C-alpha atoms as a PDB file:
ATOM      1  CA  UNK A   1      25.487-201.415-105.560  1.00  0.00           C
ATOM      2  CA  UNK A   2      27.725-198.047-107.015  1.00  0.00           C
ATOM      3  CA  UNK A   3      25.975-198.044-110.197  1.00  0.00           C
ATOM      4  CA  UNK A   4      22.822-198.821-112.190  1.00  0.00           C
ATOM      5  CA  UNK A   5      23.565-199.256-116.123  1.00  0.00           C
ATOM      6  CA  UNK A   6      19.819-198.755-117.850  1.00  0.00           C
ATOM      7  CA  UNK A   7      18.881-199.120-121.557  1.00  0.00           C
ATOM      8  CA  UNK A   8      16.137-198.338-122.499  1.00  0.00           C
ATOM      9  CA  UNK A   9      14.442-201.287-126.106  1.00  0.00           C
ATOM     10  CA  UNK A  10      12.774-201.258-129.058  1.00  0.00           C
ATOM     11  CA  UNK A  11      13.309-203.610-131.235  1.00  0.00           C
ATOM     12  CA  UNK A  12      17.148-203.670-131.513  1.00  0.00           C
ATOM     13  CA  UNK A  13      17.376-207.224-130.501  1.00  0.00           C
ATOM     14  CA  UNK A  14      21.488-207.520-131.996  1.00  0.00           C
ATOM     15  CA  UNK A  15      22.068-203.688-131.358  1.00  0.00           C
ATOM     16  CA  UNK A  16      20.678-203.950-127.689  1.00  0.00           C
ATOM     17  CA  UNK A  17      22.693-207.690-126.700  1.00  0.00           C
ATOM     18  CA  UNK A  18      26.197-205.853-128.323  1.00  0.00           C
ATOM     19  CA  UNK A  19      25.996-202.852-125.753  1.00  0.00           C
ATOM     20  CA  UNK A  20      25.411-205.757-123.216  1.00  0.00           C
ATOM     21  CA  UNK A  21      28.011-207.717-124.338  1.00  0.00           C
ATOM     22  CA  UNK A  22      30.717-204.355-124.323  1.00  0.00           C
ATOM     23  CA  UNK A  23      29.638-203.522-121.132  1.00  0.00           C
ATOM     24  CA  UNK A  24      30.342-207.621-119.839  1.00  0.00           C
ATOM     25  CA  UNK A  25      33.329-207.179-121.426  1.00  0.00           C
ATOM     26  CA  UNK A  26      34.857-204.348-119.889  1.00  0.00           C
ATOM     27  CA  UNK A  27      35.380-206.250-116.751  1.00  0.00           C
ATOM     28  CA  UNK A  28      34.141-203.023-114.414  1.00  0.00           C
ATOM     29  CA  UNK A  29      35.634-203.352-111.595  1.00  0.00           C
ATOM     30  CA  UNK A  30      33.125-202.281-109.063  1.00  0.00           C
ATOM     31  CA  UNK A  31      29.097-203.314-108.311  1.00  0.00           C
ATOM     32  CA  UNK A  32      26.870-202.447-110.899  1.00  0.00           C
ATOM     33  CA  UNK A  33      23.802-204.364-112.469  1.00  0.00           C
ATOM     34  CA  UNK A  34      22.194-203.881-116.389  1.00  0.00           C
ATOM     35  CA  UNK A  35      18.307-202.930-115.965  1.00  0.00           C
ATOM     36  CA  UNK A  36      17.246-203.095-119.322  1.00  0.00           C
ATOM     37  CA  UNK A  37      13.404-201.574-120.089  1.00  0.00           C
ATOM     38  CA  UNK A  38      11.580-203.476-122.943  1.00  0.00           C
ATOM     39  CA  UNK A  39       9.498-201.108-124.422  1.00  0.00           C
ATOM     40  CA  UNK A  40       6.766-203.712-126.006  1.00  0.00           C
ATOM     41  CA  UNK A  41       9.320-205.368-128.288  1.00  0.00           C
ATOM     42  CA  UNK A  42       8.032-207.486-131.690  1.00  0.00           C
ATOM     43  CA  UNK A  43      11.496-208.480-132.864  1.00  0.00           C
ATOM     44  CA  UNK A  44      12.168-211.812-130.357  1.00  0.00           C
ATOM     45  CA  UNK A  45      14.420-209.066-128.007  1.00  0.00           C
ATOM     46  CA  UNK A  46      12.656-210.176-124.369  1.00  0.00           C
ATOM     47  CA  UNK A  47      13.890-213.729-125.884  1.00  0.00           C
ATOM     48  CA  UNK A  48      17.181-212.563-126.850  1.00  0.00           C
ATOM     49  CA  UNK A  49      17.501-210.835-123.545  1.00  0.00           C
ATOM     50  CA  UNK A  50      16.361-213.610-121.895  1.00  0.00           C
ATOM     51  CA  UNK A  51      18.766-215.885-123.123  1.00  0.00           C
ATOM     52  CA  UNK A  52      21.201-213.383-122.330  1.00  0.00           C
ATOM     53  CA  UNK A  53      20.131-212.864-118.505  1.00  0.00           C
ATOM     54  CA  UNK A  54      20.791-217.016-118.540  1.00  0.00           C
ATOM     55  CA  UNK A  55      23.999-216.701-118.700  1.00  0.00           C
ATOM     56  CA  UNK A  56      24.532-213.686-115.762  1.00  0.00           C
ATOM     57  CA  UNK A  57      22.683-212.567-113.290  1.00  0.00           C
ATOM     58  CA  UNK A  58      23.993-208.923-113.803  1.00  0.00           C
ATOM     59  CA  UNK A  59      21.188-208.375-115.658  1.00  0.00           C
ATOM     60  CA  UNK A  60      17.236-207.532-115.454  1.00  0.00           C
ATOM     61  CA  UNK A  61      14.162-207.323-117.623  1.00  0.00           C
ATOM     62  CA  UNK A  62      11.129-204.639-117.189  1.00  0.00           C
ATOM     63  CA  UNK A  63       8.979-206.381-120.178  1.00  0.00           C
ATOM     64  CA  UNK A  64       7.058-203.506-121.178  1.00  0.00           C
ATOM     65  CA  UNK A  65       3.333-204.192-123.742  1.00  0.00           C
ATOM     66  CA  UNK A  66       3.660-201.260-125.691  1.00  0.00           C
ATOM     67  CA  UNK A  67       5.965-198.711-126.284  1.00  0.00           C
ATOM     68  CA  UNK A  68       5.470-195.692-123.444  1.00  0.00           C
ATOM     69  CA  UNK A  69       8.696-193.550-124.923  1.00  0.00           C
ATOM     70  CA  UNK A  70      12.270-192.784-123.815  1.00  0.00           C
ATOM     71  CA  UNK A  71      11.408-190.538-120.341  1.00  0.00           C
ATOM     72  CA  UNK A  72       9.394-192.569-118.972  1.00  0.00           C
ATOM     73  CA  UNK A  73      10.801-196.254-119.348  1.00  0.00           C
ATOM     74  CA  UNK A  74      14.608-194.979-118.827  1.00  0.00           C
ATOM     75  CA  UNK A  75      12.107-194.396-114.814  1.00  0.00           C
ATOM     76  CA  UNK A  76      10.831-197.704-114.997  1.00  0.00           C
ATOM     77  CA  UNK A  77      14.553-198.082-114.645  1.00  0.00           C
ATOM     78  CA  UNK A  78      15.551-196.203-112.369  1.00  0.00           C
ATOM     79  CA  UNK A  79      12.668-196.888-110.196  1.00  0.00           C
ATOM     80  CA  UNK A  80      14.273-200.762-109.961  1.00  0.00           C
ATOM     81  CA  UNK A  81      17.808-199.277-109.631  1.00  0.00           C
ATOM     82  CA  UNK A  82      19.819-200.350-106.406  1.00  0.00           C
ATOM     83  CA  UNK A  83      23.085-199.092-108.050  1.00  0.00           C
ATOM     84  CA  UNK A  84      24.092-195.234-106.537  1.00  0.00           C
ATOM     85  CA  UNK A  85      24.977-193.314-110.402  1.00  0.00           C
ATOM     86  CA  UNK A  86      22.554-194.531-113.011  1.00  0.00           C
ATOM     87  CA  UNK A  87      24.015-194.348-116.786  1.00  0.00           C
ATOM     88  CA  UNK A  88      21.450-194.143-119.014  1.00  0.00           C
ATOM     89  CA  UNK A  89      22.580-195.701-121.332  1.00  0.00           C
ATOM     90  CA  UNK A  90      21.418-196.219-125.760  1.00  0.00           C
ATOM     91  CA  UNK A  91      20.589-198.833-127.210  1.00  0.00           C
ATOM     92  CA  UNK A  92      22.667-198.352-130.646  1.00  0.00           C
ATOM     93  CA  UNK A  93      25.856-197.879-128.023  1.00  0.00           C
ATOM     94  CA  UNK A  94      28.379-199.782-127.321  1.00  0.00           C
ATOM     95  CA  UNK A  95      30.873-198.620-124.159  1.00  0.00           C
ATOM     96  CA  UNK A  96      34.842-199.165-124.764  1.00  0.00           C
ATOM     97  CA  UNK A  97      37.144-200.675-122.342  1.00  0.00           C
ATOM     98  CA  UNK A  98      37.850-198.315-119.083  1.00  0.00           C
ATOM     99  CA  UNK A  99      34.885-195.571-120.359  1.00  0.00           C
ATOM    100  CA  UNK A 100      32.347-196.455-117.300  1.00  0.00           C
ATOM    101  CA  UNK A 101      35.056-196.770-114.961  1.00  0.00           C
ATOM    102  CA  UNK A 102      35.680-193.378-115.753  1.00  0.00           C
ATOM    103  CA  UNK A 103      32.502-191.715-115.969  1.00  0.00           C
ATOM    104  CA  UNK A 104      31.733-193.250-112.328  1.00  0.00           C
ATOM    105  CA  UNK A 105      35.056-192.159-110.798  1.00  0.00           C
ATOM    106  CA  UNK A 106      35.160-188.760-112.366  1.00  0.00           C
ATOM    107  CA  UNK A 107      31.408-188.309-110.780  1.00  0.00           C
ATOM    108  CA  UNK A 108      32.408-189.660-107.524  1.00  0.00           C
ATOM    109  CA  UNK A 109      35.201-186.940-107.224  1.00  0.00           C
ATOM    110  CA  UNK A 110      33.854-183.698-109.044  1.00  0.00           C
ATOM    111  CA  UNK A 111      31.175-183.164-105.577  1.00  0.00           C
ATOM    112  CA  UNK A 112      30.119-180.623-108.069  1.00  0.00           C
ATOM    113  CA  UNK A 113      29.035-183.096-111.218  1.00  0.00           C
ATOM    114  CA  UNK A 114      25.096-183.548-111.856  1.00  0.00           C
ATOM    115  CA  UNK A 115      25.411-185.729-114.931  1.00  0.00           C
ATOM    116  CA  UNK A 116      27.880-186.663-116.487  1.00  0.00           C
ATOM    117  CA  UNK A 117      28.516-187.389-120.788  1.00  0.00           C
ATOM    118  CA  UNK A 118      30.883-189.286-122.432  1.00  0.00           C
ATOM    119  CA  UNK A 119      32.494-188.549-126.100  1.00  0.00           C
ATOM    120  CA  UNK A 120      30.889-190.296-127.917  1.00  0.00           C
ATOM    121  CA  UNK A 121      32.897-191.847-131.310  1.00  0.00           C
ATOM    122  CA  UNK A 122      31.898-192.946-134.414  1.00  0.00           C
ATOM    123  CA  UNK A 123      33.190-197.106-135.080  1.00  0.00           C
ATOM    124  CA  UNK A 124      35.760-195.000-137.348  1.00  0.00           C
ATOM    125  CA  UNK A 125      36.407-193.551-134.172  1.00  0.00           C
ATOM    126  CA  UNK A 126      35.646-189.951-135.248  1.00  0.00           C
ATOM    127  CA  UNK A 127      34.218-187.440-132.641  1.00  0.00           C
ATOM    128  CA  UNK A 128      30.582-187.524-133.028  1.00  0.00           C
ATOM    129  CA  UNK A 129      29.450-183.881-131.364  1.00  0.00           C
ATOM    130  CA  UNK A 130      27.360-184.475-128.570  1.00  0.00           C
ATOM    131  CA  UNK A 131      26.847-181.184-126.344  1.00  0.00           C
ATOM    132  CA  UNK A 132      24.769-178.478-126.067  1.00  0.00           C
ATOM    133  CA  UNK A 133      24.080-174.630-125.822  1.00  0.00           C
ATOM    134  CA  UNK A 134      20.884-174.607-123.748  1.00  0.00           C
ATOM    135  CA  UNK A 135      18.539-173.389-126.727  1.00  0.00           C
ATOM    136  CA  UNK A 136      17.157-169.922-126.001  1.00  0.00           C
ATOM    137  CA  UNK A 137      14.830-167.081-128.117  1.00  0.00           C
ATOM    138  CA  UNK A 138      17.589-165.160-127.649  1.00  0.00           C
ATOM    139  CA  UNK A 139      19.994-167.579-129.129  1.00  0.00           C
ATOM    140  CA  UNK A 140      17.773-168.667-132.014  1.00  0.00           C
ATOM    141  CA  UNK A 141      17.391-165.259-133.486  1.00  0.00           C
ATOM    142  CA  UNK A 142      20.768-164.347-132.416  1.00  0.00           C
ATOM    143  CA  UNK A 143      21.599-167.674-135.044  1.00  0.00           C
ATOM    144  CA  UNK A 144      19.156-166.542-137.525  1.00  0.00           C
ATOM    145  CA  UNK A 145      18.583-162.836-138.380  1.00  0.00           C
ATOM    146  CA  UNK A 146      21.438-162.043-136.808  1.00  0.00           C
ATOM    147  CA  UNK A 147      24.492-164.822-138.938  1.00  0.00           C
ATOM    148  CA  UNK A 148      25.671-165.787-135.369  1.00  0.00           C
ATOM    149  CA  UNK A 149      26.559-169.661-136.976  1.00  0.00           C
ATOM    150  CA  UNK A 150      26.574-172.967-134.568  1.00  0.00           C
ATOM    151  CA  UNK A 151      25.127-170.857-131.033  1.00  0.00           C
ATOM    152  CA  UNK A 152      23.017-174.054-131.198  1.00  0.00           C
ATOM    153  CA  UNK A 153      24.316-177.016-133.362  1.00  0.00           C
ATOM    154  CA  UNK A 154      25.871-179.830-131.240  1.00  0.00           C
ATOM    155  CA  UNK A 155      29.698-179.361-130.370  1.00  0.00           C
ATOM    156  CA  UNK A 156      32.179-181.548-129.325  1.00  0.00           C
ATOM    157  CA  UNK A 157      34.295-179.027-127.291  1.00  0.00           C
ATOM    158  CA  UNK A 158      38.360-179.419-128.501  1.00  0.00           C
ATOM    159  CA  UNK A 159      41.007-180.213-127.536  1.00  0.00           C
ATOM    160  CA  UNK A 160      42.982-183.854-127.532  1.00  0.00           C
ATOM    161  CA  UNK A 161      42.645-184.733-123.567  1.00  0.00           C
ATOM    162  CA  UNK A 162      41.260-186.695-121.746  1.00  0.00           C
ATOM    163  CA  UNK A 163      39.933-184.225-119.313  1.00  0.00           C
ATOM    164  CA  UNK A 164      36.158-183.630-118.002  1.00  0.00           C
ATOM    165  CA  UNK A 165      35.337-180.061-119.308  1.00  0.00           C
ATOM    166  CA  UNK A 166      31.766-178.001-118.062  1.00  0.00           C
ATOM    167  CA  UNK A 167      28.809-177.768-120.529  1.00  0.00           C
ATOM    168  CA  UNK A 168      25.441-176.591-121.308  1.00  0.00           C
ATOM    169  CA  UNK A 169      23.885-179.920-121.905  1.00  0.00           C
ATOM    170  CA  UNK A 170      24.569-183.258-122.928  1.00  0.00           C
ATOM    171  CA  UNK A 171      23.048-185.678-125.016  1.00  0.00           C
ATOM    172  CA  UNK A 172      21.111-188.581-123.647  1.00  0.00           C
ATOM    173  CA  UNK A 173      23.051-191.550-125.433  1.00  0.00           C
ATOM    174  CA  UNK A 174      25.496-191.686-122.638  1.00  0.00           C
ATOM    175  CA  UNK A 175      24.204-189.805-119.499  1.00  0.00           C
ATOM    176  CA  UNK A 176      25.427-190.523-116.420  1.00  0.00           C
ATOM    177  CA  UNK A 177      23.247-189.177-113.260  1.00  0.00           C
ATOM    178  CA  UNK A 178      24.991-188.957-110.421  1.00  0.00           C
ATOM    179  CA  UNK A 179      22.970-189.358-106.362  1.00  0.00           C
ATOM    180  CA  UNK A 180      23.340-186.601-105.555  1.00  0.00           C
ATOM    181  CA  UNK A 181      21.826-185.714-108.768  1.00  0.00           C
ATOM    182  CA  UNK A 182      18.640-187.512-108.148  1.00  0.00           C
ATOM    183  CA  UNK A 183      18.546-186.451-105.286  1.00  0.00           C
ATOM    184  CA  UNK A 184      17.458-183.115-105.886  1.00  0.00           C
ATOM    185  CA  UNK A 185      16.517-183.118-109.180  1.00  0.00           C
ATOM    186  CA  UNK A 186      14.659-186.391-109.735  1.00  0.00           C
ATOM    187  CA  UNK A 187      14.013-188.722-112.026  1.00  0.00           C
ATOM    188  CA  UNK A 188      13.296-187.631-116.095  1.00  0.00           C
ATOM    189  CA  UNK A 189      10.111-185.938-116.750  1.00  0.00           C
ATOM    190  CA  UNK A 190       7.411-188.197-118.432  1.00  0.00           C
ATOM    191  CA  UNK A 191       5.561-185.250-119.978  1.00  0.00           C
ATOM    192  CA  UNK A 192       8.612-186.199-123.242  1.00  0.00           C
ATOM    193  CA  UNK A 193       7.920-188.831-125.244  1.00  0.00           C
ATOM    194  CA  UNK A 194      11.758-188.764-126.611  1.00  0.00           C
ATOM    195  CA  UNK A 195      13.574-185.665-127.287  1.00  0.00           C
ATOM    196  CA  UNK A 196      14.260-182.949-125.850  1.00  0.00           C
ATOM    197  CA  UNK A 197      13.813-184.760-121.780  1.00  0.00           C
ATOM    198  CA  UNK A 198      18.338-184.679-121.593  1.00  0.00           C
ATOM    199  CA  UNK A 199      18.222-180.671-122.231  1.00  0.00           C
ATOM    200  CA  UNK A 200      15.292-180.443-119.853  1.00  0.00           C
ATOM    201  CA  UNK A 201      16.821-182.199-117.510  1.00  0.00           C
ATOM    202  CA  UNK A 202      20.765-180.623-118.182  1.00  0.00           C
ATOM    203  CA  UNK A 203      18.426-176.877-117.591  1.00  0.00           C
ATOM    204  CA  UNK A 204      16.609-178.933-114.344  1.00  0.00           C
ATOM    205  CA  UNK A 205      20.661-179.779-113.097  1.00  0.00           C
ATOM    206  CA  UNK A 206      22.028-176.205-113.630  1.00  0.00           C
ATOM    207  CA  UNK A 207      18.962-174.393-111.801  1.00  0.00           C
ATOM    208  CA  UNK A 208      19.629-177.276-109.137  1.00  0.00           C
ATOM    209  CA  UNK A 209      23.547-175.913-107.985  1.00  0.00           C
ATOM    210  CA  UNK A 210      25.511-178.343-110.037  1.00  0.00           C
ATOM    211  CA  UNK A 211      27.269-178.463-113.422  1.00  0.00           C
ATOM    212  CA  UNK A 212      27.347-180.765-116.460  1.00  0.00           C
ATOM    213  CA  UNK A 213      29.756-182.383-118.054  1.00  0.00           C
ATOM    214  CA  UNK A 214      31.531-184.040-121.012  1.00  0.00           C
ATOM    215  CA  UNK A 215      34.341-186.677-120.302  1.00  0.00           C
ATOM    216  CA  UNK A 216      36.634-187.280-123.009  1.00  0.00           C
ATOM    217  CA  UNK A 217      38.570-189.891-121.450  1.00  0.00           C
ATOM    218  CA  UNK A 218      35.146-192.418-121.692  1.00  0.00           C
ATOM    219  CA  UNK A 219      34.885-193.127-124.739  1.00  0.00           C
ATOM    220  CA  UNK A 220      32.001-194.673-126.296  1.00  0.00           C
ATOM    221  CA  UNK A 221      30.419-196.400-130.268  1.00  0.00           C
ATOM    222  CA  UNK A 222      27.587-194.835-130.792  1.00  0.00           C
ATOM    223  CA  UNK A 223      25.206-196.119-134.307  1.00  0.00           C
ATOM    224  CA  UNK A 224      23.819-192.697-133.862  1.00  0.00           C
ATOM    225  CA  UNK A 225      19.673-192.412-134.841  1.00  0.00           C
ATOM    226  CA  UNK A 226      20.090-196.455-135.186  1.00  0.00           C
ATOM    227  CA  UNK A 227      18.118-196.613-131.578  1.00  0.00           C
ATOM    228  CA  UNK A 228      15.316-195.049-132.678  1.00  0.00           C
ATOM    229  CA  UNK A 229      15.124-196.058-136.702  1.00  0.00           C
ATOM    230  CA  UNK A 230      11.646-197.661-136.916  1.00  0.00           C
ATOM    231  CA  UNK A 231      10.247-193.758-136.003  1.00  0.00           C
ATOM    232  CA  UNK A 232      10.467-192.871-139.660  1.00  0.00           C
ATOM    233  CA  UNK A 233      12.886-190.481-140.196  1.00  0.00           C
ATOM    234  CA  UNK A 234      10.474-188.219-141.407  1.00  0.00           C
ATOM    235  CA  UNK A 235       6.961-187.400-139.961  1.00  0.00           C
ATOM    236  CA  UNK A 236       7.005-189.845-136.997  1.00  0.00           C
ATOM    237  CA  UNK A 237       9.854-188.445-135.860  1.00  0.00           C
ATOM    238  CA  UNK A 238       8.289-184.434-136.484  1.00  0.00           C
ATOM    239  CA  UNK A 239       4.835-185.377-134.645  1.00  0.00           C
ATOM    240  CA  UNK A 240       7.461-186.819-131.448  1.00  0.00           C
ATOM    241  CA  UNK A 241       9.334-183.460-132.087  1.00  0.00           C
ATOM    242  CA  UNK A 242       7.830-180.854-131.352  1.00  0.00           C
ATOM    243  CA  UNK A 243       5.026-181.381-128.185  1.00  0.00           C
ATOM    244  CA  UNK A 244       8.125-182.023-126.750  1.00  0.00           C
ATOM    245  CA  UNK A 245       9.378-178.199-128.490  1.00  0.00           C
ATOM    246  CA  UNK A 246       6.192-177.091-126.708  1.00  0.00           C
ATOM    247  CA  UNK A 247       6.564-179.130-123.555  1.00  0.00           C
ATOM    248  CA  UNK A 248      10.040-177.351-122.387  1.00  0.00           C
ATOM    249  CA  UNK A 249       9.992-173.535-123.985  1.00  0.00           C
ATOM    250  CA  UNK A 250       6.595-172.955-123.655  1.00  0.00           C
ATOM    251  CA  UNK A 251       3.796-172.484-126.230  1.00  0.00           C
ATOM    252  CA  UNK A 252       3.996-169.164-127.014  1.00  0.00           C
ATOM    253  CA  UNK A 253       7.816-169.099-126.756  1.00  0.00           C
ATOM    254  CA  UNK A 254       8.009-172.481-128.803  1.00  0.00           C
ATOM    255  CA  UNK A 255       5.779-170.663-131.431  1.00  0.00           C
ATOM    256  CA  UNK A 256       7.499-167.668-130.874  1.00  0.00           C
ATOM    257  CA  UNK A 257      11.058-169.595-131.873  1.00  0.00           C
ATOM    258  CA  UNK A 258      10.076-171.963-134.911  1.00  0.00           C
ATOM    259  CA  UNK A 259       8.625-168.768-136.210  1.00  0.00           C
ATOM    260  CA  UNK A 260      12.333-167.361-135.985  1.00  0.00           C
ATOM    261  CA  UNK A 261      13.587-169.952-137.456  1.00  0.00           C
ATOM    262  CA  UNK A 262      11.065-170.531-140.827  1.00  0.00           C
ATOM    263  CA  UNK A 263      12.026-166.062-141.672  1.00  0.00           C
ATOM    264  CA  UNK A 264      16.186-166.486-140.602  1.00  0.00           C
ATOM    265  CA  UNK A 265      15.607-169.284-143.753  1.00  0.00           C
ATOM    266  CA  UNK A 266      13.479-167.832-145.967  1.00  0.00           C
ATOM    267  CA  UNK A 267      14.499-164.254-145.726  1.00  0.00           C
ATOM    268  CA  UNK A 268      18.509-164.663-144.542  1.00  0.00           C
ATOM    269  CA  UNK A 269      19.427-168.086-146.510  1.00  0.00           C
END
């Protein structure tokens, strides 16, 4: 089998069913499966997924009794996956026609590819920034103390073509992991409940001698933030973000970075 599409769902019944419909409507021309990992939803998601499963043999469902987080749930799906390549797809996405096939085709032809990210777009077709430069203390100092704007901001590579651009990291909403990457870098780090797991994996891919690409010709609609709305806008998100930052940077660097950011905002803005 060429591809396994892993979707983690948590209380986004309508979105996840719409996502699956977009995949099925794409009429992908090679063997694939859809593995949905439900993180203890209470909104009728599982019942809706089971109904959809009766309509097609392409869907597998893994049911968790509680929310195990993004990284751990994705890894559950990966361990059940049969595909050579893995596409981690957020439940709040919809694949446009041809997008998934283009990502897999590029991954097969570009031997250096470890991760391939799609061009994420809004419902109106406008492009979402979805690439990063990996955050470092040096870059934080240059942005917040030395005024080098945009070093740490999400961006979308310029140009109107549909080609691939090598980047340092892509967001995890549409995140293809190649077979060679899986062998060299393994699974997502399950210490991350959510946030930073995509940056961490892209960093590990680069350390393994592979590359991260942004493929502009593969468009995926993304209702940004919809898959995590149940977490709330402030307290709960920060409660997840800060521990993930400490894991990614290490505790000392984490506190140095947050001091530079805090002082830069207070003193220079």
